[in-house]
Amino acid sequence: MSQITDPVAPENVHADAVIIDGLFCKLYSPIPPQGGIDDLMFDHILASGVTAFCDSIVADAYPQSMPEAMMNLYQEHAIAEAFPEKALVVRRASDIYEAKRSGRVGIILSTQGLACIGEDTRNLWVLKNLDVKIMQITYNERNAIGCGCMEPTDTGLTRVGQKVVEEMNRLGVVVDLSHVGQRTALEAARHSKAPVIVSHAGVKKLNPHVRNLSDELIEAVATTGGVIGLCPHSIMIEKQRKQWPTVDDYIDHIQYVVDLVGIDHAAIGTDNFQYDTHYVRVSRAGFERTFPGFFGGYPEDQKHAKGFSKWSEWPNLTASLLRRGFSVEATQKVLGGNFMRVFGTVWQ
């Protein structure tokens, strides 16, 4: 007699879903062996059930040049080519389905900032043809396109910025408004003729962190048909200072976006789970030179919400969404379906 499985069981919902992490990087960062998995990042990602992740090859903590960006792209392609049985570089939306079918993980190349292009929008064509599918227009500071969220005065989208959004629309590249200043982000969303995303952020009404989004900006992104990737950073979702938030505190941010603009506009963007390793400590120390206090006193293994702070806890997020009352369809939209809709629209 064959065993009948419950399609609503969390483990089955998780296994059936196309799951997309809206922001991750550092494929070369080691993880301590755990749960029978060695220290290869791909093995931890595959065991988590994640189908594809947006791989940030540029993050403008310090402005990068175009040659530096191209060397980073070379490195990420080399990592994927070294493990063809575990990964593939995503060039079209169908590649994400192929990753799931073949038991590999899809690498969606992206940037956090575009200082590398300077004022020359022709560089966008170069990046696109080197398989960059998502481009965040600024990081925390000002560049030729507009202002980041840390700028004391946000002067908005520049003329170069307008050209950048127009060219990204033409090329079929997703516009990412994470880390972007309020005025610049609103003007970019309104200028875009295609859906835009925020790959990783929180809700300002629930936590006033500078990286979190106002209701006006959430609504502007949704109006384009876009998606907000909610980020489980402890400092961005904590309810009390230095009190480690839980996965339910994180789901409050997902629920807020759903209540404000609908289930089609909420997604997940983790922005790098961290583990207590020598590499991570050095990396954090360097990052805080450009963003002092970002980690808010949370140690490496508490950078993200309790219950969703490591790759192995992705199934716990699925179970927690279902427990909170999200339907199977809604849960799978949040886990990756909403990003897939945007990618399918923009990457045609």
C-alpha atoms as a PDB file:
ATOM      1  CA  MET A   1       0.000   0.000   0.000  1.00  0.00           C
ATOM      2  CA  SER A   2       1.497   3.355  -1.048  1.00  0.00           C
ATOM      3  CA  GLN A   3       1.858   6.009   1.596  1.00  0.00           C
ATOM      4  CA  ILE A   4      -0.338   9.082   1.159  1.00  0.00           C
ATOM      5  CA  THR A   5       1.496  12.343   1.864  1.00  0.00           C
ATOM      6  CA  ASP A   6      -0.176  15.466   3.198  1.00  0.00           C
ATOM      7  CA  PRO A   7       0.286  18.262   0.611  1.00  0.00           C
ATOM      8  CA  VAL A   8      -0.181  20.859   3.383  1.00  0.00           C
ATOM      9  CA  ALA A   9       2.528  19.385   5.603  1.00  0.00           C
ATOM     10  CA  PRO A  10       5.244  22.070   5.988  1.00  0.00           C
ATOM     11  CA  GLU A  11       7.968  19.789   4.672  1.00  0.00           C
ATOM     12  CA  ASN A  12       5.949  19.087   1.511  1.00  0.00           C
ATOM     13  CA  VAL A  13       5.083  22.742   0.949  1.00  0.00           C
ATOM     14  CA  HIS A  14       8.773  23.580   1.326  1.00  0.00           C
ATOM     15  CA  ALA A  15       9.887  20.806  -1.021  1.00  0.00           C
ATOM     16  CA  ASP A  16       7.389  21.800  -3.722  1.00  0.00           C
ATOM     17  CA  ALA A  17       8.136  25.551  -3.625  1.00  0.00           C
ATOM     18  CA  VAL A  18      10.496  27.451  -5.866  1.00  0.00           C
ATOM     19  CA  ILE A  19      12.458  29.263  -3.148  1.00  0.00           C
ATOM     20  CA  ILE A  20      14.470  32.400  -3.911  1.00  0.00           C
ATOM     21  CA  ASP A  21      16.752  34.315  -1.568  1.00  0.00           C
ATOM     22  CA  GLY A  22      16.660  37.912  -2.792  1.00  0.00           C
ATOM     23  CA  LEU A  23      20.169  38.763  -1.606  1.00  0.00           C
ATOM     24  CA  PHE A  24      23.216  36.695  -0.733  1.00  0.00           C
ATOM     25  CA  CYS A  25      26.933  36.778  -1.527  1.00  0.00           C
ATOM     26  CA  LYS A  26      30.258  35.300  -0.377  1.00  0.00           C
ATOM     27  CA  LEU A  27      29.954  31.876  -1.980  1.00  0.00           C
ATOM     28  CA  TYR A  28      33.565  31.340  -0.958  1.00  0.00           C
ATOM     29  CA  SER A  29      32.879  31.937   2.777  1.00  0.00           C
ATOM     30  CA  PRO A  30      33.359  28.711   4.753  1.00  0.00           C
ATOM     31  CA  ILE A  31      30.716  27.310   7.108  1.00  0.00           C
ATOM     32  CA  PRO A  32      31.617  25.045  10.025  1.00  0.00           C
ATOM     33  CA  PRO A  33      30.556  21.453   9.211  1.00  0.00           C
ATOM     34  CA  GLN A  34      27.201  20.665  10.810  1.00  0.00           C
ATOM     35  CA  GLY A  35      24.369  18.186  10.464  1.00  0.00           C
ATOM     36  CA  GLY A  36      26.432  15.911   8.266  1.00  0.00           C
ATOM     37  CA  ILE A  37      27.183  18.723   5.779  1.00  0.00           C
ATOM     38  CA  ASP A  38      30.775  19.806   5.175  1.00  0.00           C
ATOM     39  CA  ASP A  39      31.998  23.379   4.806  1.00  0.00           C
ATOM     40  CA  LEU A  40      31.114  23.854   1.117  1.00  0.00           C
ATOM     41  CA  MET A  41      28.573  26.692   0.813  1.00  0.00           C
ATOM     42  CA  PHE A  42      26.720  25.022  -2.064  1.00  0.00           C
ATOM     43  CA  ASP A  43      25.969  21.947   0.039  1.00  0.00           C
ATOM     44  CA  HIS A  44      24.391  24.059   2.801  1.00  0.00           C
ATOM     45  CA  ILE A  45      22.293  25.995   0.273  1.00  0.00           C
ATOM     46  CA  LEU A  46      21.109  22.827  -1.445  1.00  0.00           C
ATOM     47  CA  ALA A  47      20.220  21.184   1.878  1.00  0.00           C
ATOM     48  CA  SER A  48      18.161  24.270   2.808  1.00  0.00           C
ATOM     49  CA  GLY A  49      15.776  23.765  -0.121  1.00  0.00           C
ATOM     50  CA  VAL A  50      16.621  27.161  -1.657  1.00  0.00           C
ATOM     51  CA  THR A  51      16.249  26.973  -5.448  1.00  0.00           C
ATOM     52  CA  ALA A  52      18.143  30.140  -6.397  1.00  0.00           C
ATOM     53  CA  PHE A  53      19.726  33.162  -4.765  1.00  0.00           C
ATOM     54  CA  CYS A  54      20.648  36.650  -5.932  1.00  0.00           C
ATOM     55  CA  ASP A  55      24.442  36.727  -5.738  1.00  0.00           C
ATOM     56  CA  SER A  56      25.802  40.206  -5.058  1.00  0.00           C
ATOM     57  CA  ILE A  57      29.099  40.456  -6.974  1.00  0.00           C
ATOM     58  CA  VAL A  58      29.546  44.155  -6.160  1.00  0.00           C
ATOM     59  CA  ALA A  59      28.745  45.895  -2.873  1.00  0.00           C
ATOM     60  CA  ASP A  60      29.866  49.514  -2.828  1.00  0.00           C
ATOM     61  CA  ALA A  61      31.010  49.770   0.786  1.00  0.00           C
ATOM     62  CA  TYR A  62      33.922  51.333  -1.081  1.00  0.00           C
ATOM     63  CA  PRO A  63      33.224  52.411  -4.674  1.00  0.00           C
ATOM     64  CA  GLN A  64      34.390  49.767  -7.138  1.00  0.00           C
ATOM     65  CA  SER A  65      35.717  50.378 -10.615  1.00  0.00           C
ATOM     66  CA  MET A  66      34.460  48.643 -13.740  1.00  0.00           C
ATOM     67  CA  PRO A  67      37.593  46.444 -13.953  1.00  0.00           C
ATOM     68  CA  GLU A  68      37.066  45.386 -10.316  1.00  0.00           C
ATOM     69  CA  ALA A  69      33.430  44.530 -11.020  1.00  0.00           C
ATOM     70  CA  MET A  70      34.444  42.468 -14.041  1.00  0.00           C
ATOM     71  CA  MET A  71      37.032  40.547 -12.010  1.00  0.00           C
ATOM     72  CA  ASN A  72      34.344  39.796  -9.418  1.00  0.00           C
ATOM     73  CA  LEU A  73      32.105  38.512 -12.191  1.00  0.00           C
ATOM     74  CA  TYR A  74      34.936  36.349 -13.494  1.00  0.00           C
ATOM     75  CA  GLN A  75      35.369  34.869 -10.011  1.00  0.00           C
ATOM     76  CA  GLU A  76      31.666  34.061  -9.553  1.00  0.00           C
ATOM     77  CA  HIS A  77      31.443  32.433 -12.976  1.00  0.00           C
ATOM     78  CA  ALA A  78      34.544  30.409 -12.111  1.00  0.00           C
ATOM     79  CA  ILE A  79      32.964  29.167  -8.867  1.00  0.00           C
ATOM     80  CA  ALA A  80      29.848  28.025 -10.733  1.00  0.00           C
ATOM     81  CA  GLU A  81      31.917  26.371 -13.462  1.00  0.00           C
ATOM     82  CA  ALA A  82      33.972  24.510 -10.839  1.00  0.00           C
ATOM     83  CA  PHE A  83      30.815  22.838  -9.475  1.00  0.00           C
ATOM     84  CA  PRO A  84      28.544  22.219 -12.484  1.00  0.00           C
ATOM     85  CA  GLU A  85      26.809  19.384 -10.650  1.00  0.00           C
ATOM     86  CA  LYS A  86      25.764  21.760  -7.853  1.00  0.00           C
ATOM     87  CA  ALA A  87      25.125  25.160  -9.490  1.00  0.00           C
ATOM     88  CA  LEU A  88      24.227  27.024 -12.671  1.00  0.00           C
ATOM     89  CA  VAL A  89      24.306  30.713 -13.556  1.00  0.00           C
ATOM     90  CA  VAL A  90      20.779  32.007 -14.228  1.00  0.00           C
ATOM     91  CA  ARG A  91      20.374  33.727 -17.601  1.00  0.00           C
ATOM     92  CA  ARG A  92      16.592  33.418 -17.970  1.00  0.00           C
ATOM     93  CA  ALA A  93      13.676  32.634 -15.662  1.00  0.00           C
ATOM     94  CA  SER A  94      13.422  29.070 -16.990  1.00  0.00           C
ATOM     95  CA  ASP A  95      16.946  28.393 -15.640  1.00  0.00           C
ATOM     96  CA  ILE A  96      15.542  28.654 -12.103  1.00  0.00           C
ATOM     97  CA  TYR A  97      13.056  25.877 -12.852  1.00  0.00           C
ATOM     98  CA  GLU A  98      15.886  23.875 -14.399  1.00  0.00           C
ATOM     99  CA  ALA A  99      17.947  24.322 -11.211  1.00  0.00           C
ATOM    100  CA  LYS A 100      15.106  22.847  -9.162  1.00  0.00           C
ATOM    101  CA  ARG A 101      14.500  20.015 -11.622  1.00  0.00           C
ATOM    102  CA  SER A 102      18.171  19.041 -11.715  1.00  0.00           C
ATOM    103  CA  GLY A 103      18.883  19.372  -7.997  1.00  0.00           C
ATOM    104  CA  ARG A 104      21.233  22.320  -8.401  1.00  0.00           C
ATOM    105  CA  VAL A 105      21.078  25.882  -7.101  1.00  0.00           C
ATOM    106  CA  GLY A 106      20.632  28.869  -9.416  1.00  0.00           C
ATOM    107  CA  ILE A 107      23.036  31.805  -9.130  1.00  0.00           C
ATOM    108  CA  ILE A 108      21.380  35.109 -10.088  1.00  0.00           C
ATOM    109  CA  LEU A 109      24.182  37.648 -10.503  1.00  0.00           C
ATOM    110  CA  SER A 110      23.425  41.082  -9.042  1.00  0.00           C
ATOM    111  CA  THR A 111      25.044  44.256  -7.740  1.00  0.00           C
ATOM    112  CA  GLN A 112      24.663  46.372  -4.615  1.00  0.00           C
ATOM    113  CA  GLY A 113      25.397  49.786  -6.088  1.00  0.00           C
ATOM    114  CA  LEU A 114      26.535  50.908  -9.527  1.00  0.00           C
ATOM    115  CA  ALA A 115      29.485  53.187  -8.791  1.00  0.00           C
ATOM    116  CA  CYS A 116      31.401  50.965 -11.219  1.00  0.00           C
ATOM    117  CA  ILE A 117      29.615  52.411 -14.268  1.00  0.00           C
ATOM    118  CA  GLY A 118      30.473  56.015 -13.407  1.00  0.00           C
ATOM    119  CA  GLU A 119      28.337  58.225 -15.650  1.00  0.00           C
ATOM    120  CA  ASP A 120      28.629  55.930 -18.661  1.00  0.00           C
ATOM    121  CA  THR A 121      25.396  53.979 -19.144  1.00  0.00           C
ATOM    122  CA  ARG A 122      27.056  51.862 -21.859  1.00  0.00           C
ATOM    123  CA  ASN A 123      28.637  49.930 -18.993  1.00  0.00           C
ATOM    124  CA  LEU A 124      25.168  48.592 -18.158  1.00  0.00           C
ATOM    125  CA  TRP A 125      25.196  46.743 -21.487  1.00  0.00           C
ATOM    126  CA  VAL A 126      28.558  45.210 -20.569  1.00  0.00           C
ATOM    127  CA  LEU A 127      27.312  44.038 -17.170  1.00  0.00           C
ATOM    128  CA  LYS A 128      24.090  42.670 -18.643  1.00  0.00           C
ATOM    129  CA  ASN A 129      25.986  40.711 -21.267  1.00  0.00           C
ATOM    130  CA  LEU A 130      28.166  39.248 -18.511  1.00  0.00           C
ATOM    131  CA  ASP A 131      24.918  37.860 -17.032  1.00  0.00           C
ATOM    132  CA  VAL A 132      24.135  40.454 -14.344  1.00  0.00           C
ATOM    133  CA  LYS A 133      20.343  40.214 -14.017  1.00  0.00           C
ATOM    134  CA  ILE A 134      19.631  42.551 -11.072  1.00  0.00           C
ATOM    135  CA  MET A 135      21.291  45.920 -10.404  1.00  0.00           C
ATOM    136  CA  GLN A 136      20.893  47.955  -7.224  1.00  0.00           C
ATOM    137  CA  ILE A 137      21.290  51.571  -8.296  1.00  0.00           C
ATOM    138  CA  THR A 138      23.034  52.996  -5.194  1.00  0.00           C
ATOM    139  CA  TYR A 139      24.537  51.666  -1.990  1.00  0.00           C
ATOM    140  CA  ASN A 140      24.494  53.743   1.206  1.00  0.00           C
ATOM    141  CA  GLU A 141      26.079  56.858  -0.299  1.00  0.00           C
ATOM    142  CA  ARG A 142      25.705  59.108  -3.332  1.00  0.00           C
ATOM    143  CA  ASN A 143      26.847  58.128  -6.806  1.00  0.00           C
ATOM    144  CA  ALA A 144      26.198  59.482 -10.299  1.00  0.00           C
ATOM    145  CA  ILE A 145      22.710  57.932 -10.283  1.00  0.00           C
ATOM    146  CA  GLY A 146      21.320  59.299  -7.019  1.00  0.00           C
ATOM    147  CA  CYS A 147      21.587  59.043  -3.244  1.00  0.00           C
ATOM    148  CA  GLY A 148      21.896  56.139  -0.844  1.00  0.00           C
ATOM    149  CA  CYS A 149      19.930  55.867   2.378  1.00  0.00           C
ATOM    150  CA  MET A 150      22.829  57.149   4.514  1.00  0.00           C
ATOM    151  CA  GLU A 151      23.193  60.470   2.685  1.00  0.00           C
ATOM    152  CA  PRO A 152      22.270  63.424   4.967  1.00  0.00           C
ATOM    153  CA  THR A 153      20.423  65.105   2.062  1.00  0.00           C
ATOM    154  CA  ASP A 154      18.770  63.034  -0.639  1.00  0.00           C
ATOM    155  CA  THR A 155      18.735  65.144  -3.808  1.00  0.00           C
ATOM    156  CA  GLY A 156      16.914  62.488  -5.828  1.00  0.00           C
ATOM    157  CA  LEU A 157      17.428  60.689  -9.118  1.00  0.00           C
ATOM    158  CA  THR A 158      19.877  62.516 -11.400  1.00  0.00           C
ATOM    159  CA  ARG A 159      19.619  62.789 -15.169  1.00  0.00           C
ATOM    160  CA  VAL A 160      22.223  60.027 -15.363  1.00  0.00           C
ATOM    161  CA  GLY A 161      19.971  58.078 -12.986  1.00  0.00           C
ATOM    162  CA  GLN A 162      16.994  58.508 -15.276  1.00  0.00           C
ATOM    163  CA  LYS A 163      19.080  57.192 -18.177  1.00  0.00           C
ATOM    164  CA  VAL A 164      20.218  54.244 -16.031  1.00  0.00           C
ATOM    165  CA  VAL A 165      16.620  53.235 -15.215  1.00  0.00           C
ATOM    166  CA  GLU A 166      15.607  53.648 -18.858  1.00  0.00           C
ATOM    167  CA  GLU A 167      18.533  51.541 -20.068  1.00  0.00           C
ATOM    168  CA  MET A 168      17.927  48.829 -17.478  1.00  0.00           C
ATOM    169  CA  ASN A 169      14.307  48.667 -18.622  1.00  0.00           C
ATOM    170  CA  ARG A 170      15.478  48.380 -22.238  1.00  0.00           C
ATOM    171  CA  LEU A 171      18.057  45.692 -21.455  1.00  0.00           C
ATOM    172  CA  GLY A 172      15.696  43.617 -19.321  1.00  0.00           C
ATOM    173  CA  VAL A 173      17.569  44.051 -16.033  1.00  0.00           C
ATOM    174  CA  VAL A 174      15.711  44.264 -12.697  1.00  0.00           C
ATOM    175  CA  VAL A 175      16.031  47.616 -10.878  1.00  0.00           C
ATOM    176  CA  ASP A 176      16.802  47.068  -7.165  1.00  0.00           C
ATOM    177  CA  LEU A 177      16.079  49.913  -4.711  1.00  0.00           C
ATOM    178  CA  SER A 178      17.660  48.429  -1.568  1.00  0.00           C
ATOM    179  CA  HIS A 179      19.997  50.842   0.269  1.00  0.00           C
ATOM    180  CA  VAL A 180      18.589  53.709  -1.839  1.00  0.00           C
ATOM    181  CA  GLY A 181      17.508  57.027  -0.314  1.00  0.00           C
ATOM    182  CA  GLN A 182      13.788  57.710   0.017  1.00  0.00           C
ATOM    183  CA  ARG A 183      13.506  60.427  -2.631  1.00  0.00           C
ATOM    184  CA  THR A 184      15.858  58.706  -5.084  1.00  0.00           C
ATOM    185  CA  ALA A 185      14.008  55.398  -4.686  1.00  0.00           C
ATOM    186  CA  LEU A 186      10.572  56.958  -5.152  1.00  0.00           C
ATOM    187  CA  GLU A 187      11.701  58.795  -8.278  1.00  0.00           C
ATOM    188  CA  ALA A 188      13.338  55.658  -9.685  1.00  0.00           C
ATOM    189  CA  ALA A 189      10.200  53.572  -9.079  1.00  0.00           C
ATOM    190  CA  ARG A 190       8.049  56.199 -10.765  1.00  0.00           C
ATOM    191  CA  HIS A 191      10.464  56.510 -13.705  1.00  0.00           C
ATOM    192  CA  SER A 192      10.629  52.773 -14.362  1.00  0.00           C
ATOM    193  CA  LYS A 193       8.412  51.215 -17.008  1.00  0.00           C
ATOM    194  CA  ALA A 194       9.006  47.731 -15.546  1.00  0.00           C
ATOM    195  CA  PRO A 195       8.520  46.190 -12.095  1.00  0.00           C
ATOM    196  CA  VAL A 196      11.207  47.164  -9.569  1.00  0.00           C
ATOM    197  CA  ILE A 197      12.261  45.334  -6.411  1.00  0.00           C
ATOM    198  CA  VAL A 198      13.738  45.982  -3.021  1.00  0.00           C
ATOM    199  CA  SER A 199      15.806  42.824  -2.580  1.00  0.00           C
ATOM    200  CA  HIS A 200      16.387  43.132   1.195  1.00  0.00           C
ATOM    201  CA  ALA A 201      14.866  45.603   3.656  1.00  0.00           C
ATOM    202  CA  GLY A 202      12.383  45.915   6.512  1.00  0.00           C
ATOM    203  CA  VAL A 203       9.348  48.037   7.377  1.00  0.00           C
ATOM    204  CA  LYS A 204       9.986  51.453   8.895  1.00  0.00           C
ATOM    205  CA  LYS A 205       6.629  51.535  10.719  1.00  0.00           C
ATOM    206  CA  LEU A 206       7.747  48.469  12.711  1.00  0.00           C
ATOM    207  CA  ASN A 207      11.393  49.505  13.168  1.00  0.00           C
ATOM    208  CA  PRO A 208      12.804  52.952  12.270  1.00  0.00           C
ATOM    209  CA  HIS A 209      16.171  51.662  11.024  1.00  0.00           C
ATOM    210  CA  VAL A 210      17.617  53.749   8.182  1.00  0.00           C
ATOM    211  CA  ARG A 211      17.561  50.717   5.857  1.00  0.00           C
ATOM    212  CA  ASN A 212      13.841  50.125   6.327  1.00  0.00           C
ATOM    213  CA  LEU A 213      11.090  51.330   4.009  1.00  0.00           C
ATOM    214  CA  SER A 214       8.324  53.883   4.427  1.00  0.00           C
ATOM    215  CA  ASP A 215       4.753  52.980   3.515  1.00  0.00           C
ATOM    216  CA  GLU A 216       5.009  55.408   0.596  1.00  0.00           C
ATOM    217  CA  LEU A 217       7.982  53.556  -0.862  1.00  0.00           C
ATOM    218  CA  ILE A 218       6.426  50.108  -0.310  1.00  0.00           C
ATOM    219  CA  GLU A 219       3.332  51.325  -2.172  1.00  0.00           C
ATOM    220  CA  ALA A 220       5.437  52.828  -4.975  1.00  0.00           C
ATOM    221  CA  VAL A 221       7.267  49.516  -5.524  1.00  0.00           C
ATOM    222  CA  ALA A 222       3.990  47.584  -5.506  1.00  0.00           C
ATOM    223  CA  THR A 223       2.461  50.006  -8.013  1.00  0.00           C
ATOM    224  CA  THR A 224       5.121  48.971 -10.539  1.00  0.00           C
ATOM    225  CA  GLY A 225       4.158  45.333  -9.993  1.00  0.00           C
ATOM    226  CA  GLY A 226       7.320  44.853  -7.964  1.00  0.00           C
ATOM    227  CA  VAL A 227       8.328  42.978  -4.837  1.00  0.00           C
ATOM    228  CA  ILE A 228       9.777  43.745  -1.388  1.00  0.00           C
ATOM    229  CA  GLY A 229      12.291  41.167  -0.119  1.00  0.00           C
ATOM    230  CA  LEU A 230      11.912  41.351   3.665  1.00  0.00           C
ATOM    231  CA  CYS A 231      15.217  40.977   5.492  1.00  0.00           C
ATOM    232  CA  PRO A 232      15.595  39.124   8.830  1.00  0.00           C
ATOM    233  CA  HIS A 233      18.528  41.243  10.094  1.00  0.00           C
ATOM    234  CA  SER A 234      18.115  41.456  13.868  1.00  0.00           C
ATOM    235  CA  ILE A 235      19.002  45.163  13.985  1.00  0.00           C
ATOM    236  CA  MET A 236      16.301  45.896  11.377  1.00  0.00           C
ATOM    237  CA  ILE A 237      13.455  43.913  12.957  1.00  0.00           C
ATOM    238  CA  GLU A 238      14.157  44.021  16.705  1.00  0.00           C
ATOM    239  CA  LYS A 239      11.281  45.244  18.893  1.00  0.00           C
ATOM    240  CA  GLN A 240      13.476  46.092  21.866  1.00  0.00           C
ATOM    241  CA  ARG A 241      17.082  47.251  21.672  1.00  0.00           C
ATOM    242  CA  LYS A 242      19.491  44.298  21.856  1.00  0.00           C
ATOM    243  CA  GLN A 243      16.703  41.759  22.452  1.00  0.00           C
ATOM    244  CA  TRP A 244      17.263  39.060  19.804  1.00  0.00           C
ATOM    245  CA  PRO A 245      14.124  39.053  17.624  1.00  0.00           C
ATOM    246  CA  THR A 246      12.366  35.855  16.646  1.00  0.00           C
ATOM    247  CA  VAL A 247      11.183  34.424  13.353  1.00  0.00           C
ATOM    248  CA  ASP A 248       7.686  35.636  14.301  1.00  0.00           C
ATOM    249  CA  ASP A 249       8.985  39.186  14.720  1.00  0.00           C
ATOM    250  CA  TYR A 250      10.354  38.819  11.209  1.00  0.00           C
ATOM    251  CA  ILE A 251       7.070  37.491   9.851  1.00  0.00           C
ATOM    252  CA  ASP A 252       5.403  40.615  11.275  1.00  0.00           C
ATOM    253  CA  HIS A 253       7.279  42.573   8.565  1.00  0.00           C
ATOM    254  CA  ILE A 254       6.071  40.175   5.865  1.00  0.00           C
ATOM    255  CA  GLN A 255       2.524  40.428   7.196  1.00  0.00           C
ATOM    256  CA  TYR A 256       2.704  44.237   7.249  1.00  0.00           C
ATOM    257  CA  VAL A 257       3.623  44.376   3.549  1.00  0.00           C
ATOM    258  CA  VAL A 258       0.883  41.861   2.702  1.00  0.00           C
ATOM    259  CA  ASP A 259      -1.703  43.898   4.625  1.00  0.00           C
ATOM    260  CA  LEU A 260      -0.555  47.152   3.009  1.00  0.00           C
ATOM    261  CA  VAL A 261      -0.168  46.168  -0.655  1.00  0.00           C
ATOM    262  CA  GLY A 262      -1.161  42.500  -1.014  1.00  0.00           C
ATOM    263  CA  ILE A 263       0.325  39.024  -1.034  1.00  0.00           C
ATOM    264  CA  ASP A 264       1.865  39.454  -4.511  1.00  0.00           C
ATOM    265  CA  HIS A 265       4.469  41.930  -3.275  1.00  0.00           C
ATOM    266  CA  ALA A 266       6.234  40.213  -0.334  1.00  0.00           C
ATOM    267  CA  ALA A 267       9.319  38.009  -0.576  1.00  0.00           C
ATOM    268  CA  ILE A 268      12.529  37.039   1.274  1.00  0.00           C
ATOM    269  CA  GLY A 269      16.021  38.559   1.126  1.00  0.00           C
ATOM    270  CA  THR A 270      18.330  37.280   3.871  1.00  0.00           C
ATOM    271  CA  ASP A 271      21.523  39.249   3.122  1.00  0.00           C
ATOM    272  CA  ASN A 272      24.071  36.665   4.262  1.00  0.00           C
ATOM    273  CA  PHE A 273      23.552  34.320   7.163  1.00  0.00           C
ATOM    274  CA  GLN A 274      26.668  34.462   9.353  1.00  0.00           C
ATOM    275  CA  TYR A 275      28.534  31.898  11.410  1.00  0.00           C
ATOM    276  CA  ASP A 276      31.232  32.432  14.026  1.00  0.00           C
ATOM    277  CA  THR A 277      34.336  31.900  11.920  1.00  0.00           C
ATOM    278  CA  HIS A 278      37.641  33.735  11.544  1.00  0.00           C
ATOM    279  CA  TYR A 279      36.557  34.872   8.074  1.00  0.00           C
ATOM    280  CA  VAL A 280      33.263  36.337   9.294  1.00  0.00           C
ATOM    281  CA  ARG A 281      34.848  38.248  12.170  1.00  0.00           C
ATOM    282  CA  VAL A 282      37.353  39.876   9.835  1.00  0.00           C
ATOM    283  CA  SER A 283      34.615  40.661   7.300  1.00  0.00           C
ATOM    284  CA  ARG A 284      32.370  42.258   9.943  1.00  0.00           C
ATOM    285  CA  ALA A 285      35.193  44.389  11.300  1.00  0.00           C
ATOM    286  CA  GLY A 286      35.869  45.717   7.820  1.00  0.00           C
ATOM    287  CA  PHE A 287      32.198  46.406   7.096  1.00  0.00           C
ATOM    288  CA  GLU A 288      31.727  48.410  10.292  1.00  0.00           C
ATOM    289  CA  ARG A 289      34.457  50.794   9.156  1.00  0.00           C
ATOM    290  CA  THR A 290      32.002  52.079   6.543  1.00  0.00           C
ATOM    291  CA  PHE A 291      28.749  51.478   8.466  1.00  0.00           C
ATOM    292  CA  PRO A 292      29.606  51.838  12.186  1.00  0.00           C
ATOM    293  CA  GLY A 293      27.274  49.990  14.537  1.00  0.00           C
ATOM    294  CA  PHE A 294      25.402  48.201  11.776  1.00  0.00           C
ATOM    295  CA  PHE A 295      25.267  44.881  13.638  1.00  0.00           C
ATOM    296  CA  GLY A 296      23.827  46.580  16.713  1.00  0.00           C
ATOM    297  CA  GLY A 297      25.854  44.522  19.160  1.00  0.00           C
ATOM    298  CA  TYR A 298      24.433  41.209  17.897  1.00  0.00           C
ATOM    299  CA  PRO A 299      27.156  38.526  17.631  1.00  0.00           C
ATOM    300  CA  GLU A 300      27.812  36.576  14.451  1.00  0.00           C
ATOM    301  CA  ASP A 301      25.284  33.821  15.155  1.00  0.00           C
ATOM    302  CA  GLN A 302      22.544  36.342  16.071  1.00  0.00           C
ATOM    303  CA  LYS A 303      22.851  38.638  13.047  1.00  0.00           C
ATOM    304  CA  HIS A 304      19.487  37.278  11.861  1.00  0.00           C
ATOM    305  CA  ALA A 305      16.228  36.414  13.632  1.00  0.00           C
ATOM    306  CA  LYS A 306      16.133  33.522  16.081  1.00  0.00           C
ATOM    307  CA  GLY A 307      14.669  30.597  14.165  1.00  0.00           C
ATOM    308  CA  PHE A 308      15.781  31.980  10.783  1.00  0.00           C
ATOM    309  CA  SER A 309      19.480  32.677  11.169  1.00  0.00           C
ATOM    310  CA  LYS A 310      21.138  29.893   9.176  1.00  0.00           C
ATOM    311  CA  TRP A 311      20.647  27.936   5.977  1.00  0.00           C
ATOM    312  CA  SER A 312      19.303  24.899   7.836  1.00  0.00           C
ATOM    313  CA  GLU A 313      16.392  26.999   9.174  1.00  0.00           C
ATOM    314  CA  TRP A 314      14.735  27.773   5.838  1.00  0.00           C
ATOM    315  CA  PRO A 315      12.228  24.920   6.431  1.00  0.00           C
ATOM    316  CA  ASN A 316      11.413  26.524   9.784  1.00  0.00           C
ATOM    317  CA  LEU A 317      10.443  29.733   7.988  1.00  0.00           C
ATOM    318  CA  THR A 318       8.028  27.795   5.779  1.00  0.00           C
ATOM    319  CA  ALA A 319       6.518  26.039   8.806  1.00  0.00           C
ATOM    320  CA  SER A 320       6.261  29.366  10.674  1.00  0.00           C
ATOM    321  CA  LEU A 321       4.451  31.075   7.784  1.00  0.00           C
ATOM    322  CA  LEU A 322       1.912  28.247   7.626  1.00  0.00           C
ATOM    323  CA  ARG A 323       1.477  28.322  11.405  1.00  0.00           C
ATOM    324  CA  ARG A 324       0.821  32.065  11.251  1.00  0.00           C
ATOM    325  CA  GLY A 325      -2.091  31.458   8.895  1.00  0.00           C
ATOM    326  CA  PHE A 326      -0.552  31.909   5.461  1.00  0.00           C
ATOM    327  CA  SER A 327      -2.144  29.526   2.970  1.00  0.00           C
ATOM    328  CA  VAL A 328      -0.008  27.123   0.936  1.00  0.00           C
ATOM    329  CA  GLU A 329      -0.376  29.365  -2.127  1.00  0.00           C
ATOM    330  CA  ALA A 330       0.489  32.520  -0.165  1.00  0.00           C
ATOM    331  CA  THR A 331       3.477  30.843   1.482  1.00  0.00           C
ATOM    332  CA  GLN A 332       4.884  29.708  -1.846  1.00  0.00           C
ATOM    333  CA  LYS A 333       4.402  33.188  -3.313  1.00  0.00           C
ATOM    334  CA  VAL A 334       6.419  34.690  -0.471  1.00  0.00           C
ATOM    335  CA  LEU A 335       9.101  31.998  -0.660  1.00  0.00           C
ATOM    336  CA  GLY A 336       9.809  32.632  -4.328  1.00  0.00           C
ATOM    337  CA  GLY A 337       6.729  32.843  -6.516  1.00  0.00           C
ATOM    338  CA  ASN A 338       6.574  36.628  -6.380  1.00  0.00           C
ATOM    339  CA  PHE A 339      10.208  37.049  -7.397  1.00  0.00           C
ATOM    340  CA  MET A 340       9.625  34.553 -10.215  1.00  0.00           C
ATOM    341  CA  ARG A 341       6.752  36.653 -11.540  1.00  0.00           C
ATOM    342  CA  VAL A 342       8.933  39.780 -11.646  1.00  0.00           C
ATOM    343  CA  PHE A 343      11.870  37.939 -13.210  1.00  0.00           C
ATOM    344  CA  GLY A 344       9.640  36.404 -15.858  1.00  0.00           C
ATOM    345  CA  THR A 345       8.266  39.855 -16.721  1.00  0.00           C
ATOM    346  CA  VAL A 346      11.541  41.796 -16.791  1.00  0.00           C
ATOM    347  CA  TRP A 347      13.924  39.199 -18.275  1.00  0.00           C
ATOM    348  CA  GLN A 348      11.852  38.431 -21.385  1.00  0.00           C
END
